[in-house]
Amino acid sequence: MAGTGLTFSARLFDQMREFSERAYPYEGCGVLVGRPSAHDVEVTEVIEGSNLVTDRRRDRYELDPKDIIRAERTARARGEEVVGFYHTHPNHPARPSQFDTDRAWPGYRYVVISVHAGRQLAATAWQLEEGVHPTRFRETELEISQTEDHGYNPPGLVAEVS
């Protein structure tokens, strides 16, 4: 997949925030559909997914494979592709855990969203470093495009939990 950054319209980023806050106090997750280019990956749709984990929903997620298949079909019909995934960390920082790293797939972008008391505090984007052992993520740029939404600034993008 080309590009290094991940770009959302403010409207789509806000939609992902709403999905994330609604999942609280459990981990929420979903699929990112979009268009890769030489410079970045533009997200064109955020699809809310189902977390199949039942025993540790506060700190684990497993995205329903049916959600991924549906997203792939939707993307393909529009000449796009699944470009990544998002999930939340309830009451924890917006950084991938070792569990996240161990289960990630190369070539995709991952957005981790910190949600505290039902409100998004931070969002970060990540990609696996390929050919590196042990496997690890590197942070990538997460950009919210202001052009189509007339200066809308999504809440909670800057704050980070320590």
N, C-alpha and C. Protein backbone atom coordinates (compact mmCIF):
# COMPACT_ATOMS: atom_id res chain seq x y z
N MET A 1 0.86 -1.17 0.00
CA MET A 1 0.00 0.00 0.00
C MET A 1 0.90 1.23 0.00
N ALA A 2 0.61 2.15 -0.87
CA ALA A 2 1.42 3.35 -1.00
C ALA A 2 1.16 4.34 0.13
N GLY A 3 2.02 5.32 0.22
CA GLY A 3 1.80 6.43 1.15
C GLY A 3 2.12 6.10 2.59
N THR A 4 2.26 7.15 3.38
CA THR A 4 2.58 6.95 4.79
C THR A 4 1.51 7.49 5.73
N GLY A 5 0.86 8.59 5.36
CA GLY A 5 -0.14 9.19 6.24
C GLY A 5 -1.52 8.61 6.02
N LEU A 6 -2.43 8.99 6.90
CA LEU A 6 -3.82 8.56 6.84
C LEU A 6 -4.68 9.80 6.97
N THR A 7 -5.54 10.05 5.97
CA THR A 7 -6.34 11.27 5.93
C THR A 7 -7.82 10.94 6.01
N PHE A 8 -8.51 11.64 6.91
CA PHE A 8 -9.96 11.55 7.07
C PHE A 8 -10.58 12.91 6.79
N SER A 9 -11.80 12.92 6.26
CA SER A 9 -12.56 14.17 6.29
C SER A 9 -12.99 14.35 7.75
N ALA A 10 -13.29 15.56 8.14
CA ALA A 10 -13.74 15.82 9.50
C ALA A 10 -15.03 15.05 9.78
N ARG A 11 -15.90 14.96 8.80
CA ARG A 11 -17.17 14.24 8.96
C ARG A 11 -16.93 12.76 9.26
N LEU A 12 -16.02 12.11 8.52
CA LEU A 12 -15.74 10.70 8.75
C LEU A 12 -15.02 10.47 10.07
N PHE A 13 -14.11 11.37 10.43
CA PHE A 13 -13.43 11.24 11.71
C PHE A 13 -14.43 11.35 12.85
N ASP A 14 -15.37 12.28 12.73
CA ASP A 14 -16.40 12.45 13.75
C ASP A 14 -17.28 11.22 13.84
N GLN A 15 -17.58 10.62 12.71
CA GLN A 15 -18.38 9.39 12.70
C GLN A 15 -17.64 8.27 13.45
N MET A 16 -16.34 8.14 13.21
CA MET A 16 -15.54 7.13 13.91
C MET A 16 -15.52 7.42 15.41
N ARG A 17 -15.43 8.71 15.78
CA ARG A 17 -15.47 9.09 17.19
C ARG A 17 -16.80 8.68 17.82
N GLU A 18 -17.90 8.91 17.12
CA GLU A 18 -19.22 8.52 17.64
C GLU A 18 -19.31 7.01 17.85
N PHE A 19 -18.83 6.24 16.88
CA PHE A 19 -18.83 4.78 17.02
C PHE A 19 -17.99 4.37 18.24
N SER A 20 -16.85 5.02 18.41
CA SER A 20 -15.93 4.69 19.51
C SER A 20 -16.53 5.02 20.86
N GLU A 21 -17.15 6.18 20.97
CA GLU A 21 -17.76 6.57 22.25
C GLU A 21 -18.96 5.69 22.58
N ARG A 22 -19.70 5.28 21.58
CA ARG A 22 -20.86 4.42 21.81
C ARG A 22 -20.45 3.05 22.35
N ALA A 23 -19.29 2.56 21.95
CA ALA A 23 -18.82 1.24 22.39
C ALA A 23 -18.39 1.23 23.85
N TYR A 24 -18.02 2.38 24.39
CA TYR A 24 -17.51 2.48 25.76
C TYR A 24 -18.52 1.88 26.75
N PRO A 25 -18.10 1.10 27.75
CA PRO A 25 -16.74 0.91 28.27
C PRO A 25 -16.00 -0.27 27.64
N TYR A 26 -16.53 -0.77 26.54
CA TYR A 26 -15.89 -1.91 25.86
C TYR A 26 -15.08 -1.42 24.67
N GLU A 27 -14.22 -2.31 24.17
CA GLU A 27 -13.46 -1.97 22.96
C GLU A 27 -14.40 -2.03 21.77
N GLY A 28 -14.40 -0.95 21.01
CA GLY A 28 -15.12 -0.91 19.74
C GLY A 28 -14.12 -1.08 18.61
N CYS A 29 -14.62 -1.47 17.44
CA CYS A 29 -13.72 -1.70 16.32
C CYS A 29 -14.46 -1.54 15.01
N GLY A 30 -13.70 -1.41 13.94
CA GLY A 30 -14.31 -1.27 12.63
C GLY A 30 -13.27 -1.26 11.52
N VAL A 31 -13.77 -1.05 10.31
CA VAL A 31 -12.98 -1.14 9.10
C VAL A 31 -12.89 0.23 8.43
N LEU A 32 -11.74 0.52 7.85
CA LEU A 32 -11.50 1.76 7.11
C LEU A 32 -11.38 1.42 5.63
N VAL A 33 -12.22 2.04 4.82
CA VAL A 33 -12.20 1.86 3.37
C VAL A 33 -11.65 3.13 2.77
N GLY A 34 -10.87 3.01 1.69
CA GLY A 34 -10.35 4.22 1.09
C GLY A 34 -9.54 3.99 -0.16
N ARG A 35 -8.72 5.03 -0.44
CA ARG A 35 -7.89 5.06 -1.65
C ARG A 35 -6.46 5.40 -1.28
N PRO A 36 -5.54 4.47 -1.51
CA PRO A 36 -4.13 4.80 -1.30
C PRO A 36 -3.60 5.62 -2.47
N SER A 37 -2.66 6.51 -2.18
CA SER A 37 -1.95 7.25 -3.22
C SER A 37 -0.47 7.19 -2.89
N ALA A 38 0.32 7.88 -3.67
CA ALA A 38 1.77 7.87 -3.45
C ALA A 38 2.15 8.55 -2.15
N HIS A 39 1.30 9.48 -1.65
CA HIS A 39 1.66 10.27 -0.48
C HIS A 39 0.91 9.90 0.79
N ASP A 40 -0.32 9.44 0.65
CA ASP A 40 -1.07 9.08 1.85
C ASP A 40 -2.20 8.12 1.48
N VAL A 41 -3.01 7.80 2.47
CA VAL A 41 -4.18 6.96 2.27
C VAL A 41 -5.38 7.79 2.69
N GLU A 42 -6.30 7.98 1.75
CA GLU A 42 -7.50 8.75 2.04
C GLU A 42 -8.62 7.79 2.45
N VAL A 43 -9.17 8.00 3.65
CA VAL A 43 -10.29 7.19 4.12
C VAL A 43 -11.56 7.78 3.53
N THR A 44 -12.36 6.93 2.87
CA THR A 44 -13.61 7.38 2.26
C THR A 44 -14.84 6.83 2.97
N GLU A 45 -14.63 5.84 3.83
CA GLU A 45 -15.75 5.30 4.61
C GLU A 45 -15.23 4.64 5.87
N VAL A 46 -15.96 4.83 6.96
CA VAL A 46 -15.67 4.18 8.23
C VAL A 46 -16.85 3.25 8.51
N ILE A 47 -16.55 1.96 8.67
CA ILE A 47 -17.60 0.97 8.89
C ILE A 47 -17.49 0.43 10.31
N GLU A 48 -18.53 0.62 11.08
CA GLU A 48 -18.56 0.11 12.45
C GLU A 48 -18.60 -1.41 12.41
N GLY A 49 -17.79 -2.05 13.26
CA GLY A 49 -17.73 -3.50 13.30
C GLY A 49 -18.27 -4.06 14.60
N SER A 50 -18.33 -5.37 14.64
CA SER A 50 -18.76 -6.09 15.84
C SER A 50 -17.54 -6.70 16.52
N ASN A 51 -17.45 -6.53 17.82
CA ASN A 51 -16.39 -7.13 18.61
C ASN A 51 -16.88 -8.50 19.08
N LEU A 52 -16.21 -9.55 18.62
CA LEU A 52 -16.63 -10.91 18.96
C LEU A 52 -16.17 -11.37 20.34
N VAL A 53 -15.26 -10.65 20.96
CA VAL A 53 -14.77 -11.03 22.29
C VAL A 53 -15.88 -10.82 23.31
N THR A 54 -16.10 -11.81 24.15
CA THR A 54 -17.13 -11.68 25.18
C THR A 54 -16.56 -11.65 26.59
N ASP A 55 -15.46 -12.35 26.83
CA ASP A 55 -14.95 -12.46 28.20
C ASP A 55 -14.04 -11.31 28.62
N ARG A 56 -13.40 -10.63 27.67
CA ARG A 56 -12.47 -9.53 28.01
C ARG A 56 -12.74 -8.31 27.13
N ARG A 57 -13.99 -7.95 26.96
CA ARG A 57 -14.37 -6.86 26.05
C ARG A 57 -13.82 -5.50 26.46
N ARG A 58 -13.40 -5.35 27.70
CA ARG A 58 -12.85 -4.06 28.14
C ARG A 58 -11.42 -3.84 27.69
N ASP A 59 -10.72 -4.94 27.30
CA ASP A 59 -9.32 -4.76 26.87
C ASP A 59 -8.91 -5.65 25.71
N ARG A 60 -9.89 -6.21 25.00
CA ARG A 60 -9.60 -7.03 23.83
C ARG A 60 -10.68 -6.83 22.78
N TYR A 61 -10.29 -7.00 21.54
CA TYR A 61 -11.28 -7.00 20.47
C TYR A 61 -10.90 -8.03 19.43
N GLU A 62 -11.89 -8.55 18.77
CA GLU A 62 -11.71 -9.37 17.58
C GLU A 62 -12.80 -8.95 16.61
N LEU A 63 -12.40 -8.29 15.57
CA LEU A 63 -13.33 -7.80 14.57
C LEU A 63 -13.96 -8.98 13.84
N ASP A 64 -15.28 -8.98 13.75
CA ASP A 64 -16.01 -10.05 13.07
C ASP A 64 -15.54 -10.13 11.62
N PRO A 65 -15.05 -11.30 11.17
CA PRO A 65 -14.60 -11.44 9.78
C PRO A 65 -15.69 -11.10 8.76
N LYS A 66 -16.94 -11.27 9.12
CA LYS A 66 -18.03 -10.92 8.22
C LYS A 66 -18.03 -9.42 7.93
N ASP A 67 -17.66 -8.61 8.92
CA ASP A 67 -17.57 -7.16 8.71
C ASP A 67 -16.47 -6.82 7.71
N ILE A 68 -15.36 -7.54 7.79
CA ILE A 68 -14.25 -7.31 6.87
C ILE A 68 -14.65 -7.70 5.45
N ILE A 69 -15.31 -8.84 5.31
CA ILE A 69 -15.74 -9.30 3.99
C ILE A 69 -16.74 -8.31 3.37
N ARG A 70 -17.70 -7.85 4.17
CA ARG A 70 -18.67 -6.86 3.66
C ARG A 70 -17.96 -5.58 3.23
N ALA A 71 -17.00 -5.14 4.03
CA ALA A 71 -16.26 -3.92 3.69
C ALA A 71 -15.45 -4.11 2.40
N GLU A 72 -14.84 -5.28 2.24
CA GLU A 72 -14.07 -5.55 1.03
C GLU A 72 -14.97 -5.52 -0.20
N ARG A 73 -16.16 -6.09 -0.10
CA ARG A 73 -17.10 -6.09 -1.23
C ARG A 73 -17.56 -4.67 -1.55
N THR A 74 -17.88 -3.89 -0.52
CA THR A 74 -18.29 -2.50 -0.72
C THR A 74 -17.18 -1.71 -1.40
N ALA A 75 -15.97 -1.87 -0.90
CA ALA A 75 -14.82 -1.13 -1.45
C ALA A 75 -14.57 -1.52 -2.90
N ARG A 76 -14.55 -2.80 -3.16
CA ARG A 76 -14.26 -3.29 -4.51
C ARG A 76 -15.28 -2.76 -5.53
N ALA A 77 -16.56 -2.70 -5.12
CA ALA A 77 -17.62 -2.20 -6.01
C ALA A 77 -17.39 -0.75 -6.39
N ARG A 78 -16.66 -0.01 -5.57
CA ARG A 78 -16.39 1.42 -5.84
C ARG A 78 -14.97 1.65 -6.37
N GLY A 79 -14.24 0.58 -6.60
CA GLY A 79 -12.86 0.73 -7.06
C GLY A 79 -11.93 1.16 -5.95
N GLU A 80 -12.29 0.86 -4.71
CA GLU A 80 -11.46 1.21 -3.55
C GLU A 80 -11.01 -0.08 -2.86
N GLU A 81 -10.46 0.06 -1.66
CA GLU A 81 -10.00 -1.12 -0.93
C GLU A 81 -10.09 -0.89 0.57
N VAL A 82 -10.03 -1.98 1.31
CA VAL A 82 -9.90 -1.88 2.76
C VAL A 82 -8.48 -1.41 3.02
N VAL A 83 -8.36 -0.26 3.69
CA VAL A 83 -7.03 0.33 3.92
C VAL A 83 -6.58 0.18 5.36
N GLY A 84 -7.49 -0.22 6.24
CA GLY A 84 -7.10 -0.37 7.63
C GLY A 84 -8.27 -0.64 8.54
N PHE A 85 -7.96 -0.50 9.84
CA PHE A 85 -8.92 -0.84 10.88
C PHE A 85 -8.77 0.15 12.03
N TYR A 86 -9.83 0.28 12.81
CA TYR A 86 -9.73 1.11 14.02
C TYR A 86 -10.25 0.30 15.19
N HIS A 87 -9.76 0.64 16.36
CA HIS A 87 -10.33 0.08 17.58
C HIS A 87 -10.05 1.05 18.73
N THR A 88 -10.77 0.85 19.81
CA THR A 88 -10.66 1.75 20.94
C THR A 88 -9.88 1.10 22.09
N HIS A 89 -9.34 1.97 22.93
CA HIS A 89 -8.74 1.57 24.19
C HIS A 89 -9.50 2.30 25.30
N PRO A 90 -10.48 1.63 25.90
CA PRO A 90 -11.20 2.28 27.00
C PRO A 90 -10.28 2.53 28.20
N ASN A 91 -10.21 3.77 28.61
CA ASN A 91 -9.43 4.17 29.79
C ASN A 91 -7.94 3.85 29.68
N HIS A 92 -7.44 3.82 28.46
CA HIS A 92 -6.01 3.57 28.21
C HIS A 92 -5.54 4.47 27.08
N PRO A 93 -4.22 4.68 26.97
CA PRO A 93 -3.68 5.55 25.92
C PRO A 93 -3.95 5.04 24.51
N ALA A 94 -3.87 5.94 23.55
CA ALA A 94 -4.09 5.63 22.14
C ALA A 94 -2.81 5.11 21.50
N ARG A 95 -2.28 4.02 22.07
CA ARG A 95 -1.08 3.37 21.56
C ARG A 95 -1.38 1.87 21.46
N PRO A 96 -0.86 1.21 20.42
CA PRO A 96 -1.12 -0.22 20.29
C PRO A 96 -0.50 -1.02 21.44
N SER A 97 -1.23 -1.99 21.90
CA SER A 97 -0.71 -2.90 22.93
C SER A 97 0.08 -4.01 22.24
N GLN A 98 0.74 -4.84 23.02
CA GLN A 98 1.44 -5.99 22.46
C GLN A 98 0.44 -6.94 21.81
N PHE A 99 -0.74 -7.08 22.41
CA PHE A 99 -1.82 -7.91 21.84
C PHE A 99 -2.18 -7.38 20.45
N ASP A 100 -2.32 -6.05 20.31
CA ASP A 100 -2.64 -5.44 19.01
C ASP A 100 -1.53 -5.73 18.00
N THR A 101 -0.30 -5.59 18.42
CA THR A 101 0.85 -5.79 17.54
C THR A 101 0.92 -7.23 17.06
N ASP A 102 0.70 -8.17 17.96
CA ASP A 102 0.78 -9.59 17.61
C ASP A 102 -0.29 -10.00 16.60
N ARG A 103 -1.42 -9.30 16.57
CA ARG A 103 -2.54 -9.69 15.71
C ARG A 103 -2.69 -8.83 14.45
N ALA A 104 -1.81 -7.86 14.27
CA ALA A 104 -1.92 -6.94 13.14
C ALA A 104 -1.41 -7.57 11.84
N TRP A 105 -1.92 -7.06 10.74
CA TRP A 105 -1.52 -7.50 9.40
C TRP A 105 -0.67 -6.43 8.74
N PRO A 106 0.41 -6.82 8.06
CA PRO A 106 1.24 -5.84 7.35
C PRO A 106 0.44 -5.16 6.23
N GLY A 107 0.83 -3.92 5.94
CA GLY A 107 0.24 -3.20 4.81
C GLY A 107 -1.00 -2.40 5.14
N TYR A 108 -1.57 -2.58 6.31
CA TYR A 108 -2.78 -1.85 6.69
C TYR A 108 -2.43 -0.76 7.69
N ARG A 109 -3.31 0.24 7.77
CA ARG A 109 -3.20 1.28 8.79
C ARG A 109 -4.11 0.91 9.94
N TYR A 110 -3.69 1.27 11.14
CA TYR A 110 -4.47 1.00 12.35
C TYR A 110 -4.64 2.30 13.11
N VAL A 111 -5.88 2.63 13.44
CA VAL A 111 -6.16 3.79 14.27
C VAL A 111 -6.53 3.27 15.65
N VAL A 112 -5.88 3.80 16.67
CA VAL A 112 -6.18 3.46 18.06
C VAL A 112 -6.75 4.71 18.71
N ILE A 113 -7.90 4.56 19.33
CA ILE A 113 -8.63 5.69 19.90
C ILE A 113 -8.75 5.49 21.40
N SER A 114 -8.27 6.46 22.16
CA SER A 114 -8.40 6.43 23.61
C SER A 114 -9.75 7.05 23.99
N VAL A 115 -10.54 6.28 24.74
CA VAL A 115 -11.85 6.77 25.20
C VAL A 115 -11.89 6.66 26.72
N HIS A 116 -12.11 7.79 27.39
CA HIS A 116 -12.21 7.84 28.85
C HIS A 116 -13.57 8.39 29.23
N ALA A 117 -14.23 7.70 30.14
CA ALA A 117 -15.54 8.13 30.63
C ALA A 117 -16.50 8.42 29.47
N GLY A 118 -16.39 7.61 28.41
CA GLY A 118 -17.29 7.73 27.28
C GLY A 118 -16.97 8.83 26.30
N ARG A 119 -15.81 9.49 26.45
CA ARG A 119 -15.42 10.59 25.55
C ARG A 119 -14.05 10.29 24.94
N GLN A 120 -13.92 10.54 23.65
CA GLN A 120 -12.63 10.37 22.99
C GLN A 120 -11.64 11.41 23.49
N LEU A 121 -10.44 10.94 23.85
CA LEU A 121 -9.39 11.84 24.27
C LEU A 121 -8.29 11.99 23.22
N ALA A 122 -7.99 10.92 22.50
CA ALA A 122 -6.90 10.96 21.53
C ALA A 122 -7.11 9.88 20.49
N ALA A 123 -6.52 10.11 19.33
CA ALA A 123 -6.52 9.12 18.26
C ALA A 123 -5.15 9.17 17.59
N THR A 124 -4.59 8.01 17.32
CA THR A 124 -3.30 7.91 16.67
C THR A 124 -3.38 6.86 15.56
N ALA A 125 -2.49 6.98 14.57
CA ALA A 125 -2.46 6.04 13.45
C ALA A 125 -1.12 5.30 13.46
N TRP A 126 -1.17 4.02 13.06
CA TRP A 126 -0.01 3.15 13.15
C TRP A 126 0.06 2.23 11.93
N GLN A 127 1.27 1.75 11.67
CA GLN A 127 1.49 0.75 10.63
C GLN A 127 2.60 -0.17 11.10
N LEU A 128 2.47 -1.46 10.81
CA LEU A 128 3.54 -2.40 11.17
C LEU A 128 4.78 -2.08 10.37
N GLU A 129 5.92 -2.15 11.02
CA GLU A 129 7.20 -2.04 10.32
C GLU A 129 7.50 -3.41 9.74
N GLU A 130 7.59 -3.47 8.43
CA GLU A 130 7.81 -4.77 7.77
C GLU A 130 9.28 -5.14 7.80
N GLY A 131 9.54 -6.43 7.96
CA GLY A 131 10.90 -6.95 7.97
C GLY A 131 11.66 -6.69 9.25
N VAL A 132 10.97 -6.26 10.29
CA VAL A 132 11.62 -5.97 11.57
C VAL A 132 11.20 -7.04 12.57
N HIS A 133 12.18 -7.59 13.29
CA HIS A 133 11.87 -8.58 14.31
C HIS A 133 12.48 -8.13 15.63
N PRO A 134 11.77 -8.10 16.73
CA PRO A 134 10.37 -8.48 16.80
C PRO A 134 9.47 -7.46 16.09
N THR A 135 8.30 -7.92 15.71
CA THR A 135 7.32 -7.07 15.03
C THR A 135 6.96 -5.89 15.92
N ARG A 136 6.88 -4.71 15.30
CA ARG A 136 6.48 -3.53 16.05
C ARG A 136 5.78 -2.54 15.12
N PHE A 137 5.01 -1.66 15.74
CA PHE A 137 4.33 -0.60 15.01
C PHE A 137 5.20 0.65 14.96
N ARG A 138 4.99 1.44 13.91
CA ARG A 138 5.52 2.80 13.88
C ARG A 138 4.34 3.74 13.70
N GLU A 139 4.39 4.86 14.38
CA GLU A 139 3.30 5.82 14.28
C GLU A 139 3.38 6.53 12.93
N THR A 140 2.22 6.77 12.33
CA THR A 140 2.12 7.49 11.07
C THR A 140 1.26 8.72 11.27
N GLU A 141 1.30 9.61 10.31
CA GLU A 141 0.54 10.84 10.40
C GLU A 141 -0.96 10.56 10.28
N LEU A 142 -1.72 11.21 11.13
CA LEU A 142 -3.19 11.15 11.09
C LEU A 142 -3.66 12.57 10.81
N GLU A 143 -4.23 12.78 9.64
CA GLU A 143 -4.64 14.12 9.23
C GLU A 143 -6.15 14.18 9.08
N ILE A 144 -6.72 15.26 9.60
CA ILE A 144 -8.15 15.51 9.45
C ILE A 144 -8.28 16.66 8.46
N SER A 145 -8.84 16.37 7.30
CA SER A 145 -9.01 17.37 6.25
C SER A 145 -10.11 18.34 6.64
N GLN A 146 -9.80 19.60 6.62
CA GLN A 146 -10.76 20.63 6.99
C GLN A 146 -11.50 21.18 5.78
N THR A 147 -11.08 20.83 4.59
CA THR A 147 -11.61 21.49 3.39
C THR A 147 -13.10 21.25 3.16
N GLU A 148 -13.56 20.02 3.23
CA GLU A 148 -14.97 19.77 2.91
C GLU A 148 -15.92 20.10 4.05
N ASP A 149 -15.41 20.30 5.25
CA ASP A 149 -16.30 20.52 6.38
C ASP A 149 -16.18 21.92 6.97
N HIS A 150 -15.62 22.84 6.23
CA HIS A 150 -15.60 24.26 6.58
C HIS A 150 -15.05 24.56 7.97
N GLY A 151 -13.85 24.05 8.23
CA GLY A 151 -13.17 24.41 9.46
C GLY A 151 -13.59 23.63 10.69
N TYR A 152 -14.37 22.57 10.54
CA TYR A 152 -14.77 21.76 11.69
C TYR A 152 -13.54 21.14 12.31
N ASN A 153 -13.42 21.23 13.63
CA ASN A 153 -12.30 20.65 14.35
C ASN A 153 -12.84 19.59 15.29
N PRO A 154 -12.60 18.29 15.00
CA PRO A 154 -13.16 17.24 15.84
C PRO A 154 -12.68 17.32 17.27
N PRO A 155 -13.56 17.07 18.24
CA PRO A 155 -13.16 17.15 19.65
C PRO A 155 -12.19 16.04 20.01
N GLY A 156 -11.26 16.36 20.91
CA GLY A 156 -10.42 15.33 21.51
C GLY A 156 -9.28 14.82 20.66
N LEU A 157 -8.92 15.47 19.57
CA LEU A 157 -7.87 14.94 18.73
C LEU A 157 -6.49 15.14 19.33
N VAL A 158 -6.30 16.18 20.11
CA VAL A 158 -4.96 16.54 20.55
C VAL A 158 -4.58 15.94 21.90
N ALA A 159 -5.53 15.85 22.82
CA ALA A 159 -5.21 15.41 24.18
C ALA A 159 -4.70 13.98 24.18
N GLU A 160 -3.70 13.72 24.97
CA GLU A 160 -3.14 12.38 25.10
C GLU A 160 -3.17 12.00 26.56
N VAL A 161 -3.46 10.76 26.82
CA VAL A 161 -3.52 10.26 28.18
C VAL A 161 -2.17 9.67 28.52
N SER A 162 -1.67 9.99 29.69
CA SER A 162 -0.36 9.44 30.08
C SER A 162 -0.51 8.36 31.11
